[in-house]
Amino acid sequence: MGYFITLFLLLIIASLASAGFFMLRRKDPTLHDEQKKSAPNQGMVRALTIRIGLSVVLFISVLIAWQLGLIQPTGLPIK
């Protein structure tokens, strides 16, 4: 289960880095100023959508694994 969580966290970070790349990428010089402001960067939107989807799947997977007993909480004991 640890490898699964690690893999998902790495995929989430990679998707976030991809969105940052698309955000910093140079805009199309042929577009007018109004079009540049109104047109969202589709690559960035897609990368952030994937990141949100991966985060939700990871959260639900951890909850299901906890309910099935595959993982156990190991917090500090309350005194």
N, C-alpha and C. Protein backbone atom coordinates (compact mmCIF):
# COMPACT_ATOMS: atom_id res chain seq x y z
N MET A 1 0.83 -1.19 0.00
CA MET A 1 0.00 0.00 0.00
C MET A 1 0.87 1.25 0.00
N GLY A 2 2.04 1.16 0.61
CA GLY A 2 2.94 2.30 0.66
C GLY A 2 3.43 2.71 -0.71
N TYR A 3 3.71 1.71 -1.57
CA TYR A 3 4.15 2.02 -2.92
C TYR A 3 3.04 2.68 -3.73
N PHE A 4 1.81 2.24 -3.49
CA PHE A 4 0.66 2.81 -4.18
C PHE A 4 0.49 4.29 -3.82
N ILE A 5 0.59 4.59 -2.54
CA ILE A 5 0.45 5.98 -2.08
C ILE A 5 1.60 6.83 -2.62
N THR A 6 2.82 6.29 -2.55
CA THR A 6 3.99 7.02 -3.06
C THR A 6 3.85 7.30 -4.56
N LEU A 7 3.39 6.30 -5.31
CA LEU A 7 3.21 6.48 -6.75
C LEU A 7 2.20 7.58 -7.04
N PHE A 8 1.08 7.56 -6.32
CA PHE A 8 0.06 8.58 -6.55
C PHE A 8 0.56 9.97 -6.17
N LEU A 9 1.32 10.08 -5.07
CA LEU A 9 1.86 11.38 -4.69
C LEU A 9 2.84 11.90 -5.73
N LEU A 10 3.65 11.01 -6.30
CA LEU A 10 4.58 11.43 -7.36
C LEU A 10 3.82 11.86 -8.62
N LEU A 11 2.74 11.15 -8.94
CA LEU A 11 1.93 11.54 -10.10
C LEU A 11 1.26 12.90 -9.86
N ILE A 12 0.83 13.15 -8.64
CA ILE A 12 0.20 14.43 -8.31
C ILE A 12 1.22 15.56 -8.44
N ILE A 13 2.43 15.34 -7.95
CA ILE A 13 3.48 16.36 -8.05
C ILE A 13 3.86 16.59 -9.51
N ALA A 14 3.93 15.51 -10.30
CA ALA A 14 4.26 15.65 -11.73
C ALA A 14 3.18 16.43 -12.46
N SER A 15 1.93 16.19 -12.13
CA SER A 15 0.83 16.92 -12.77
C SER A 15 0.88 18.40 -12.38
N LEU A 16 1.21 18.68 -11.12
CA LEU A 16 1.33 20.06 -10.67
C LEU A 16 2.49 20.76 -11.38
N ALA A 17 3.61 20.05 -11.55
CA ALA A 17 4.75 20.62 -12.28
C ALA A 17 4.39 20.87 -13.74
N SER A 18 3.62 19.97 -14.32
CA SER A 18 3.18 20.15 -15.70
C SER A 18 2.30 21.39 -15.84
N ALA A 19 1.41 21.60 -14.88
CA ALA A 19 0.56 22.79 -14.91
C ALA A 19 1.40 24.05 -14.77
N GLY A 20 2.42 24.01 -13.93
CA GLY A 20 3.31 25.15 -13.80
C GLY A 20 4.07 25.43 -15.08
N PHE A 21 4.48 24.37 -15.77
CA PHE A 21 5.15 24.55 -17.05
C PHE A 21 4.24 25.22 -18.06
N PHE A 22 3.00 24.76 -18.14
CA PHE A 22 2.06 25.36 -19.09
C PHE A 22 1.73 26.80 -18.71
N MET A 23 1.71 27.09 -17.43
CA MET A 23 1.41 28.45 -16.99
C MET A 23 2.54 29.40 -17.38
N LEU A 24 3.78 28.95 -17.28
CA LEU A 24 4.92 29.81 -17.57
C LEU A 24 5.32 29.81 -19.04
N ARG A 25 4.74 28.91 -19.82
CA ARG A 25 5.07 28.82 -21.23
C ARG A 25 4.64 30.09 -21.96
N ARG A 26 5.40 30.45 -22.95
CA ARG A 26 5.13 31.66 -23.71
C ARG A 26 3.80 31.54 -24.46
N LYS A 27 3.03 32.61 -24.43
CA LYS A 27 1.75 32.64 -25.13
C LYS A 27 1.97 32.76 -26.64
N ASP A 28 0.92 32.49 -27.38
CA ASP A 28 0.95 32.59 -28.83
C ASP A 28 1.03 34.07 -29.22
N PRO A 29 2.09 34.49 -29.93
CA PRO A 29 2.23 35.91 -30.25
C PRO A 29 1.20 36.42 -31.26
N THR A 30 0.49 35.53 -31.95
CA THR A 30 -0.48 35.98 -32.95
C THR A 30 -1.81 36.38 -32.32
N LEU A 31 -2.04 36.03 -31.05
CA LEU A 31 -3.30 36.38 -30.39
C LEU A 31 -3.27 37.85 -29.96
N HIS A 32 -4.44 38.46 -29.98
CA HIS A 32 -4.56 39.83 -29.49
C HIS A 32 -4.58 39.83 -27.97
N ASP A 33 -4.41 41.00 -27.36
CA ASP A 33 -4.37 41.10 -25.90
C ASP A 33 -5.65 40.62 -25.26
N GLU A 34 -6.81 40.92 -25.86
CA GLU A 34 -8.08 40.50 -25.29
C GLU A 34 -8.20 38.98 -25.33
N GLN A 35 -7.74 38.37 -26.42
CA GLN A 35 -7.82 36.92 -26.54
C GLN A 35 -6.89 36.23 -25.56
N LYS A 36 -5.72 36.82 -25.29
CA LYS A 36 -4.78 36.23 -24.36
C LYS A 36 -5.35 36.19 -22.95
N LYS A 37 -6.09 37.24 -22.58
CA LYS A 37 -6.66 37.30 -21.24
C LYS A 37 -7.84 36.36 -21.07
N SER A 38 -8.65 36.22 -22.11
CA SER A 38 -9.87 35.45 -21.98
C SER A 38 -9.68 33.96 -22.26
N ALA A 39 -8.71 33.59 -23.06
CA ALA A 39 -8.53 32.19 -23.44
C ALA A 39 -7.68 31.48 -22.38
N PRO A 40 -8.27 30.49 -21.68
CA PRO A 40 -7.47 29.75 -20.69
C PRO A 40 -6.49 28.82 -21.39
N ASN A 41 -5.40 28.57 -20.74
CA ASN A 41 -4.40 27.66 -21.27
C ASN A 41 -4.93 26.23 -21.07
N GLN A 42 -5.28 25.57 -22.14
CA GLN A 42 -5.92 24.25 -22.05
C GLN A 42 -5.00 23.20 -21.44
N GLY A 43 -3.70 23.28 -21.68
CA GLY A 43 -2.78 22.32 -21.08
C GLY A 43 -2.75 22.45 -19.57
N MET A 44 -2.76 23.69 -19.09
CA MET A 44 -2.75 23.91 -17.65
C MET A 44 -4.06 23.43 -17.02
N VAL A 45 -5.17 23.72 -17.66
CA VAL A 45 -6.47 23.29 -17.14
C VAL A 45 -6.54 21.76 -17.08
N ARG A 46 -6.06 21.10 -18.11
CA ARG A 46 -6.08 19.63 -18.14
C ARG A 46 -5.18 19.06 -17.04
N ALA A 47 -4.00 19.62 -16.86
CA ALA A 47 -3.07 19.12 -15.84
C ALA A 47 -3.64 19.30 -14.44
N LEU A 48 -4.28 20.44 -14.18
CA LEU A 48 -4.87 20.65 -12.86
C LEU A 48 -6.08 19.76 -12.64
N THR A 49 -6.84 19.49 -13.69
CA THR A 49 -7.97 18.57 -13.58
C THR A 49 -7.48 17.16 -13.25
N ILE A 50 -6.42 16.74 -13.89
CA ILE A 50 -5.84 15.43 -13.60
C ILE A 50 -5.34 15.38 -12.16
N ARG A 51 -4.72 16.46 -11.69
CA ARG A 51 -4.22 16.50 -10.32
C ARG A 51 -5.36 16.37 -9.31
N ILE A 52 -6.44 17.05 -9.56
CA ILE A 52 -7.58 16.96 -8.66
C ILE A 52 -8.16 15.56 -8.67
N GLY A 53 -8.28 14.97 -9.84
CA GLY A 53 -8.80 13.60 -9.95
C GLY A 53 -7.91 12.60 -9.22
N LEU A 54 -6.59 12.73 -9.38
CA LEU A 54 -5.67 11.83 -8.69
C LEU A 54 -5.77 12.00 -7.17
N SER A 55 -5.91 13.23 -6.71
CA SER A 55 -6.03 13.49 -5.27
C SER A 55 -7.29 12.85 -4.71
N VAL A 56 -8.39 12.97 -5.42
CA VAL A 56 -9.65 12.38 -4.96
C VAL A 56 -9.56 10.86 -4.94
N VAL A 57 -8.99 10.27 -5.98
CA VAL A 57 -8.84 8.81 -6.03
C VAL A 57 -7.95 8.33 -4.91
N LEU A 58 -6.85 9.04 -4.64
CA LEU A 58 -5.96 8.65 -3.55
C LEU A 58 -6.67 8.73 -2.20
N PHE A 59 -7.41 9.79 -1.97
CA PHE A 59 -8.13 9.95 -0.70
C PHE A 59 -9.15 8.84 -0.51
N ILE A 60 -9.92 8.54 -1.53
CA ILE A 60 -10.94 7.49 -1.43
C ILE A 60 -10.27 6.13 -1.25
N SER A 61 -9.16 5.89 -1.93
CA SER A 61 -8.45 4.62 -1.80
C SER A 61 -7.91 4.42 -0.39
N VAL A 62 -7.38 5.49 0.21
CA VAL A 62 -6.89 5.38 1.59
C VAL A 62 -8.04 5.10 2.54
N LEU A 63 -9.18 5.76 2.35
CA LEU A 63 -10.33 5.49 3.21
C LEU A 63 -10.82 4.06 3.08
N ILE A 64 -10.88 3.56 1.85
CA ILE A 64 -11.33 2.18 1.63
C ILE A 64 -10.34 1.19 2.23
N ALA A 65 -9.04 1.44 2.05
CA ALA A 65 -8.03 0.54 2.62
C ALA A 65 -8.10 0.54 4.13
N TRP A 66 -8.38 1.68 4.73
CA TRP A 66 -8.52 1.76 6.19
C TRP A 66 -9.75 0.97 6.65
N GLN A 67 -10.87 1.13 5.93
CA GLN A 67 -12.09 0.41 6.31
C GLN A 67 -11.93 -1.11 6.15
N LEU A 68 -11.16 -1.53 5.16
CA LEU A 68 -10.94 -2.96 4.94
C LEU A 68 -9.86 -3.53 5.86
N GLY A 69 -9.18 -2.68 6.59
CA GLY A 69 -8.15 -3.15 7.51
C GLY A 69 -6.79 -3.34 6.87
N LEU A 70 -6.61 -2.86 5.66
CA LEU A 70 -5.32 -3.01 4.99
C LEU A 70 -4.26 -2.07 5.57
N ILE A 71 -4.69 -0.94 6.10
CA ILE A 71 -3.77 -0.02 6.77
C ILE A 71 -4.36 0.31 8.14
N GLN A 72 -3.47 0.60 9.08
CA GLN A 72 -3.89 0.93 10.44
C GLN A 72 -3.34 2.30 10.81
N PRO A 73 -4.14 3.10 11.50
CA PRO A 73 -3.62 4.38 11.96
C PRO A 73 -2.58 4.16 13.07
N THR A 74 -1.51 4.91 13.01
CA THR A 74 -0.44 4.78 14.00
C THR A 74 -0.09 6.16 14.53
N GLY A 75 -1.02 6.77 15.21
CA GLY A 75 -0.78 8.08 15.77
C GLY A 75 -0.25 8.00 17.19
N LEU A 76 -0.05 9.13 17.80
CA LEU A 76 0.38 9.17 19.18
C LEU A 76 -0.78 8.81 20.09
N PRO A 77 -0.54 8.02 21.12
CA PRO A 77 -1.63 7.65 22.03
C PRO A 77 -2.07 8.86 22.86
N ILE A 78 -3.37 8.95 23.11
CA ILE A 78 -3.93 10.03 23.91
C ILE A 78 -3.79 9.64 25.38
N LYS A 79 -3.21 10.54 26.17
CA LYS A 79 -3.02 10.24 27.60
C LYS A 79 -4.03 10.95 28.43
